[in-house]
Amino acid sequence: MRCFYILCNAGGIKALLFGRQFKNWRGVRVRRVGIVIKEKSHKAKEAADNLIAYLGTKSIESIVIPSRTEDIGEAVRGNIPDCDLCITFGGDGTLLFAARVFSPYGIPIVGINLGGLGFITEFRESEVTECVESFLREDFTLEKRIMIDVRIVREKREMFQSTGLNDLVVSTGGISRLIELGVSSGRKFIGSYRADGIIVATPTGSTAYSLSAGGPILEPMMEAFVISPICPHSLGARPLVVPSDEEVKISVLSDNREIVGTVDGQIALQLRCSDEIYIRQSQVVTTLISLNKRSFYDIVSAKLSWKG
């Protein structure tokens, strides 16, 4: 976990030093495409093979990146900063992984949904070639999504750091029982919650676990956080939207050995009583490519079967 964070943040430093995080992508010649495929998915591998063959006809190099940090070799890792575009094959989880790997370098991402719900993987498999062609023609829109930096402090020592696109979840593991968590925002104490846990979500993450916990849906390019208690033991404990320029702090108040902190549902760490978790808006943003074919509200309406 520590090595992964160093990779991301070293990239973030490099991106800031060289200005690539805020680079205007218009007029950039595409030389290399990073392709992230869902782990153990034959469908994703087949779709990636088809894309590689197509890119070859355009004299565009491609590198395939497995969707697990420990599977990324040093040679592949060294080529990631030189990619001009990232395309993911899988679901939202695959894109969340790619966001942590590619976003520190300012590389835009296209998410191809190969089934499942898929709120942030906007495109279908049949639209892969169209996405690439549109990018080459500079006929696209860039969507900037805020990310979060998460720090865990234990006995006044920082012992974990990570970056995420969706959320930070503090919850019980194993046998379910209530835990007590103190929550503050911008050094203002919000309150203590007796619940199964707490979610702090970005607008992108507002359609994920936070939505299942009763949280509101935020327009994805807003700058705000949603704090959603999970199954709180109080009818008065409701989700809360706070400014993203305020750091959120969660204090573990329960002496329960089965408490886990999770970033984007993929990076987990066992927590202890008195641990403090700090969540703040990252300097790194995730850049998603949109072709303006479907608005966010079109996607949400289709996925949630809204009627109106």
Protein backbone atom coordinates (compact mmCIF):
# COMPACT_ATOMS: atom_id res chain seq x y z
CA MET A 1 0.00 0.00 0.00
CA ARG A 2 2.78 2.40 0.82
CA CYS A 3 4.58 1.71 -2.48
CA PHE A 4 1.42 2.47 -4.41
CA TYR A 5 1.02 5.81 -2.72
CA ILE A 6 4.62 6.73 -3.46
CA LEU A 7 4.05 5.91 -7.13
CA CYS A 8 1.02 8.14 -7.33
CA ASN A 9 2.44 11.04 -5.41
CA ALA A 10 5.82 10.95 -7.10
CA GLY A 11 3.80 11.23 -10.29
CA GLY A 12 1.83 14.10 -8.81
CA ILE A 13 5.05 15.96 -8.01
CA LYS A 14 6.38 15.31 -11.50
CA ALA A 15 3.11 16.45 -13.06
CA LEU A 16 3.12 19.67 -11.07
CA LEU A 17 6.78 20.37 -11.83
CA PHE A 18 6.32 19.93 -15.56
CA GLY A 19 2.84 21.45 -15.74
CA ARG A 20 1.30 18.41 -17.41
CA GLN A 21 -1.54 18.20 -14.89
CA PHE A 22 -3.02 21.39 -16.36
CA LYS A 23 -1.87 20.97 -19.95
CA ASN A 24 -4.24 21.83 -22.78
CA TRP A 25 -4.65 18.55 -24.64
CA ARG A 26 -5.73 20.18 -27.90
CA GLY A 27 -3.14 19.61 -30.60
CA VAL A 28 -1.33 16.81 -28.75
CA ARG A 29 -0.18 14.04 -31.07
CA VAL A 30 -1.13 10.63 -29.71
CA ARG A 31 1.95 8.43 -29.63
CA ARG A 32 1.17 5.98 -26.84
CA VAL A 33 -2.07 4.70 -25.25
CA GLY A 34 -2.23 2.96 -21.89
CA ILE A 35 -4.82 0.19 -21.77
CA VAL A 36 -6.10 -1.04 -18.40
CA ILE A 37 -8.03 -4.30 -18.42
CA LYS A 38 -10.23 -5.80 -15.74
CA GLU A 39 -8.51 -8.59 -13.89
CA LYS A 40 -9.36 -12.13 -15.10
CA SER A 41 -11.84 -10.85 -17.70
CA HIS A 42 -11.61 -12.63 -21.05
CA LYS A 43 -14.01 -10.08 -22.53
CA ALA A 44 -11.77 -7.21 -21.45
CA LYS A 45 -8.68 -8.93 -22.88
CA GLU A 46 -10.43 -9.58 -26.19
CA ALA A 47 -11.61 -5.96 -26.42
CA ALA A 48 -8.10 -4.74 -25.58
CA ASP A 49 -6.57 -6.98 -28.28
CA ASN A 50 -8.96 -5.49 -30.85
CA LEU A 51 -8.00 -1.97 -29.77
CA ILE A 52 -4.27 -2.76 -29.94
CA ALA A 53 -4.70 -4.00 -33.50
CA TYR A 54 -6.62 -0.85 -34.44
CA LEU A 55 -4.03 1.44 -32.83
CA GLY A 56 -1.33 -0.37 -34.78
CA THR A 57 -2.98 0.75 -38.03
CA LYS A 58 -2.56 4.33 -36.78
CA SER A 59 1.09 3.78 -35.79
CA ILE A 60 0.15 4.37 -32.16
CA GLU A 61 2.02 2.39 -29.51
CA SER A 62 0.06 0.74 -26.70
CA ILE A 63 0.95 -0.68 -23.30
CA VAL A 64 -1.33 -3.02 -21.34
CA ILE A 65 -1.57 -2.46 -17.61
CA PRO A 66 -3.15 -5.00 -15.24
CA SER A 67 -5.67 -3.59 -12.80
CA ARG A 68 -3.64 -4.52 -9.70
CA THR A 69 -0.71 -2.45 -8.48
CA GLU A 70 1.40 -5.46 -7.53
CA ASP A 71 1.16 -6.80 -11.10
CA ILE A 72 2.66 -3.68 -12.71
CA GLY A 73 6.28 -4.36 -13.65
CA GLU A 74 8.99 -1.73 -13.50
CA ALA A 75 9.23 -1.49 -17.30
CA VAL A 76 5.50 -0.81 -17.65
CA ARG A 77 5.53 1.56 -14.68
CA GLY A 78 8.25 3.63 -16.34
CA ASN A 79 6.20 4.02 -19.53
CA ILE A 80 3.01 5.26 -17.85
CA PRO A 81 4.04 8.97 -17.66
CA ASP A 82 4.61 9.03 -21.43
CA CYS A 83 1.08 7.90 -22.32
CA ASP A 84 -1.14 10.46 -24.05
CA LEU A 85 -4.39 8.64 -23.36
CA CYS A 86 -5.70 5.88 -21.09
CA ILE A 87 -8.53 3.52 -22.05
CA THR A 88 -10.02 1.15 -19.49
CA PHE A 89 -11.97 -2.03 -20.21
CA GLY A 90 -14.14 -3.27 -17.36
CA GLY A 91 -16.37 -1.38 -14.97
CA ASP A 92 -16.15 1.55 -12.59
CA GLY A 93 -13.65 -0.32 -10.41
CA THR A 94 -11.21 -0.62 -13.30
CA LEU A 95 -11.50 3.09 -14.00
CA LEU A 96 -10.98 3.94 -10.31
CA PHE A 97 -7.72 2.00 -10.40
CA ALA A 98 -6.66 3.79 -13.59
CA ALA A 99 -7.49 7.16 -12.03
CA ARG A 100 -5.01 6.57 -9.21
CA VAL A 101 -2.29 5.46 -11.65
CA PHE A 102 -2.74 7.89 -14.56
CA SER A 103 -4.26 11.05 -13.05
CA PRO A 104 -1.07 12.21 -11.29
CA TYR A 105 0.43 12.64 -14.77
CA GLY A 106 -2.58 14.53 -16.15
CA ILE A 107 -3.41 11.76 -18.63
CA PRO A 108 -7.06 11.78 -19.76
CA ILE A 109 -9.08 8.59 -19.35
CA VAL A 110 -11.80 6.89 -21.41
CA GLY A 111 -13.87 4.32 -19.53
CA ILE A 112 -15.37 1.45 -21.55
CA ASN A 113 -18.15 -0.36 -19.70
CA LEU A 114 -18.23 -4.11 -20.36
CA GLY A 115 -21.34 -4.77 -18.30
CA GLY A 116 -22.72 -3.98 -14.88
CA LEU A 117 -23.95 -0.63 -13.57
CA GLY A 118 -21.15 1.70 -14.66
CA PHE A 119 -21.77 5.34 -13.74
CA ILE A 120 -18.33 6.67 -14.70
CA THR A 121 -17.51 4.23 -17.50
CA GLU A 122 -19.56 6.20 -20.00
CA PHE A 123 -18.93 4.28 -23.23
CA ARG A 124 -19.95 0.91 -24.62
CA GLU A 125 -17.53 -1.56 -26.18
CA SER A 126 -18.89 -0.76 -29.65
CA GLU A 127 -17.85 2.88 -29.19
CA VAL A 128 -14.11 2.31 -28.61
CA THR A 129 -13.01 3.19 -32.13
CA GLU A 130 -15.30 6.23 -32.18
CA CYS A 131 -13.76 7.47 -28.92
CA VAL A 132 -10.21 7.19 -30.27
CA GLU A 133 -11.14 8.81 -33.60
CA SER A 134 -12.84 11.69 -31.77
CA PHE A 135 -9.75 12.18 -29.61
CA LEU A 136 -7.53 12.26 -32.68
CA ARG A 137 -9.86 14.84 -34.28
CA GLU A 138 -9.88 16.86 -31.05
CA ASP A 139 -13.67 16.51 -31.00
CA PHE A 140 -14.21 15.87 -27.30
CA THR A 141 -14.82 17.49 -23.92
CA LEU A 142 -12.61 17.09 -20.86
CA GLU A 143 -14.35 16.61 -17.52
CA LYS A 144 -12.29 17.45 -14.45
CA ARG A 145 -13.22 15.35 -11.40
CA ILE A 146 -11.86 16.15 -7.95
CA MET A 147 -9.96 13.48 -6.03
CA ILE A 148 -9.26 13.02 -2.34
CA ASP A 149 -6.03 12.62 -0.41
CA VAL A 150 -6.44 10.36 2.61
CA ARG A 151 -4.07 10.31 5.60
CA ILE A 152 -4.31 8.06 8.64
CA VAL A 153 -2.57 9.24 11.81
CA ARG A 154 -1.91 6.89 14.72
CA GLU A 155 -0.39 8.15 17.96
CA LYS A 156 0.62 11.39 16.21
CA ARG A 157 2.46 9.52 13.46
CA GLU A 158 1.27 9.39 9.86
CA MET A 159 1.15 5.72 8.98
CA PHE A 160 -0.82 5.63 5.71
CA GLN A 161 -1.52 7.84 2.71
CA SER A 162 -3.45 7.28 -0.49
CA THR A 163 -5.38 9.09 -3.22
CA GLY A 164 -8.84 8.19 -4.48
CA LEU A 165 -11.51 9.29 -6.91
CA ASN A 166 -14.65 7.92 -5.26
CA ASP A 167 -14.61 7.77 -1.49
CA LEU A 168 -13.15 6.92 1.88
CA VAL A 169 -15.19 4.43 3.89
CA VAL A 170 -14.72 3.61 7.57
CA SER A 171 -16.77 0.56 8.50
CA THR A 172 -16.94 -2.57 10.56
CA GLY A 173 -15.40 -5.75 9.25
CA GLY A 174 -16.33 -9.32 10.12
CA ILE A 175 -19.26 -9.52 12.55
CA SER A 176 -21.43 -6.42 12.14
CA ARG A 177 -21.84 -4.21 15.18
CA LEU A 178 -22.11 -0.51 15.82
CA ILE A 179 -19.01 1.64 16.06
CA GLU A 180 -18.67 5.23 17.25
CA LEU A 181 -16.97 7.79 15.03
CA GLY A 182 -16.39 11.49 15.57
CA VAL A 183 -16.63 13.69 12.47
CA SER A 184 -15.34 17.23 11.90
CA SER A 185 -15.13 19.49 8.85
CA GLY A 186 -12.83 22.48 8.64
CA ARG A 187 -11.97 22.08 12.35
CA LYS A 188 -15.67 22.38 13.20
CA PHE A 189 -17.04 19.39 15.08
CA ILE A 190 -20.10 17.98 13.31
CA GLY A 191 -20.92 15.24 15.79
CA SER A 192 -20.34 11.65 16.81
CA TYR A 193 -22.14 8.84 15.03
CA ARG A 194 -23.07 5.40 16.30
CA ALA A 195 -23.41 3.50 13.05
CA ASP A 196 -22.03 0.71 10.91
CA GLY A 197 -19.64 3.28 9.49
CA ILE A 198 -19.14 6.58 7.65
CA ILE A 199 -18.59 7.41 3.97
CA VAL A 200 -16.88 10.57 2.73
CA ALA A 201 -17.52 10.73 -1.02
CA THR A 202 -16.56 13.03 -3.86
CA PRO A 203 -19.24 14.06 -6.37
CA THR A 204 -18.02 11.21 -8.59
CA GLY A 205 -18.41 8.83 -5.65
CA SER A 206 -21.85 10.16 -4.76
CA THR A 207 -23.39 7.58 -7.12
CA ALA A 208 -21.50 4.70 -5.48
CA TYR A 209 -21.67 3.41 -1.88
CA SER A 210 -22.83 6.80 -0.63
CA LEU A 211 -25.96 6.56 -2.80
CA SER A 212 -26.72 3.10 -1.40
CA ALA A 213 -26.42 4.57 2.10
CA GLY A 214 -29.06 7.21 1.30
CA GLY A 215 -26.75 10.05 0.27
CA PRO A 216 -27.63 12.63 -2.40
CA ILE A 217 -26.39 12.58 -5.99
CA LEU A 218 -24.04 15.46 -6.78
CA GLU A 219 -23.25 16.81 -10.24
CA PRO A 220 -19.85 15.18 -10.86
CA MET A 221 -17.84 18.34 -11.56
CA MET A 222 -18.91 20.08 -8.35
CA GLU A 223 -16.37 20.70 -5.60
CA ALA A 224 -17.96 19.26 -2.48
CA PHE A 225 -17.95 16.19 -0.25
CA VAL A 226 -20.87 14.05 0.92
CA ILE A 227 -20.63 12.65 4.45
CA SER A 228 -23.03 9.70 4.73
CA PRO A 229 -23.47 7.58 7.88
CA ILE A 230 -23.99 3.87 7.20
CA CYS A 231 -27.08 2.49 8.98
CA PRO A 232 -26.90 5.04 11.84
CA HIS A 233 -28.51 4.20 15.16
CA SER A 234 -30.46 7.46 15.05
CA LEU A 235 -33.23 8.73 12.77
CA GLY A 236 -31.70 12.22 13.02
CA ALA A 237 -28.34 11.23 11.50
CA ARG A 238 -28.64 12.33 7.87
CA PRO A 239 -26.15 12.70 4.99
CA LEU A 240 -24.43 16.07 4.85
CA VAL A 241 -22.82 18.01 1.98
CA VAL A 242 -19.76 20.07 2.94
CA PRO A 243 -17.31 22.25 0.94
CA SER A 244 -14.37 20.32 -0.47
CA ASP A 245 -11.94 23.09 0.52
CA GLU A 246 -12.47 22.05 4.14
CA GLU A 247 -10.55 19.05 5.47
CA VAL A 248 -12.78 16.33 6.93
CA LYS A 249 -11.53 14.47 9.99
CA ILE A 250 -12.86 11.16 11.28
CA SER A 251 -11.85 9.97 14.76
CA VAL A 252 -12.24 6.32 15.73
CA LEU A 253 -13.85 6.34 19.17
CA SER A 254 -14.67 2.63 19.51
CA ASP A 255 -12.32 -0.02 20.85
CA ASN A 256 -13.32 -2.53 18.17
CA ARG A 257 -10.73 -4.69 16.45
CA GLU A 258 -12.85 -5.05 13.31
CA ILE A 259 -12.77 -1.50 11.91
CA VAL A 260 -11.45 -0.96 8.39
CA GLY A 261 -10.66 2.15 6.34
CA THR A 262 -11.06 1.68 2.58
CA VAL A 263 -10.18 4.00 -0.32
CA ASP A 264 -12.26 3.49 -3.48
CA GLY A 265 -13.19 0.01 -2.27
CA GLN A 266 -9.71 -1.19 -3.28
CA ILE A 267 -7.12 -0.10 -0.71
CA ALA A 268 -7.91 -1.22 2.84
CA LEU A 269 -6.25 -0.75 6.21
CA GLN A 270 -7.14 -2.05 9.67
CA LEU A 271 -7.95 0.79 12.08
CA ARG A 272 -7.64 1.12 15.85
CA CYS A 273 -9.28 3.17 18.55
CA SER A 274 -7.96 6.78 18.57
CA ASP A 275 -6.86 6.63 14.93
CA GLU A 276 -7.56 9.83 13.02
CA ILE A 277 -8.40 9.86 9.31
CA TYR A 278 -7.98 13.10 7.36
CA ILE A 279 -9.65 13.60 3.98
CA ARG A 280 -8.93 16.63 1.85
CA GLN A 281 -9.31 17.64 -1.80
CA SER A 282 -6.25 16.54 -3.74
CA GLN A 283 -4.20 18.76 -6.02
CA VAL A 284 -4.49 15.93 -8.53
CA VAL A 285 -7.67 15.70 -10.60
CA THR A 286 -9.00 12.92 -12.79
CA THR A 287 -9.66 13.99 -16.38
CA LEU A 288 -12.34 12.01 -18.17
CA ILE A 289 -13.09 12.28 -21.87
CA SER A 290 -16.69 12.87 -22.93
CA LEU A 291 -18.10 12.96 -26.45
CA ASN A 292 -21.25 14.78 -25.30
CA LYS A 293 -23.40 11.92 -26.54
CA ARG A 294 -24.97 11.30 -23.13
CA SER A 295 -25.18 13.77 -20.28
CA PHE A 296 -24.58 12.75 -16.67
CA TYR A 297 -28.32 12.98 -16.12
CA ASP A 298 -29.01 10.69 -19.09
CA ILE A 299 -26.68 8.10 -17.56
CA VAL A 300 -28.15 8.39 -14.07
CA SER A 301 -31.70 8.26 -15.43
CA ALA A 302 -30.95 5.10 -17.40
CA LYS A 303 -29.05 3.38 -14.58
CA LEU A 304 -31.59 4.21 -11.86
CA SER A 305 -34.69 3.90 -14.08
CA TRP A 306 -35.87 7.42 -13.25
CA LYS A 307 -39.39 8.23 -14.40
CA GLY A 308 -40.67 11.66 -15.20
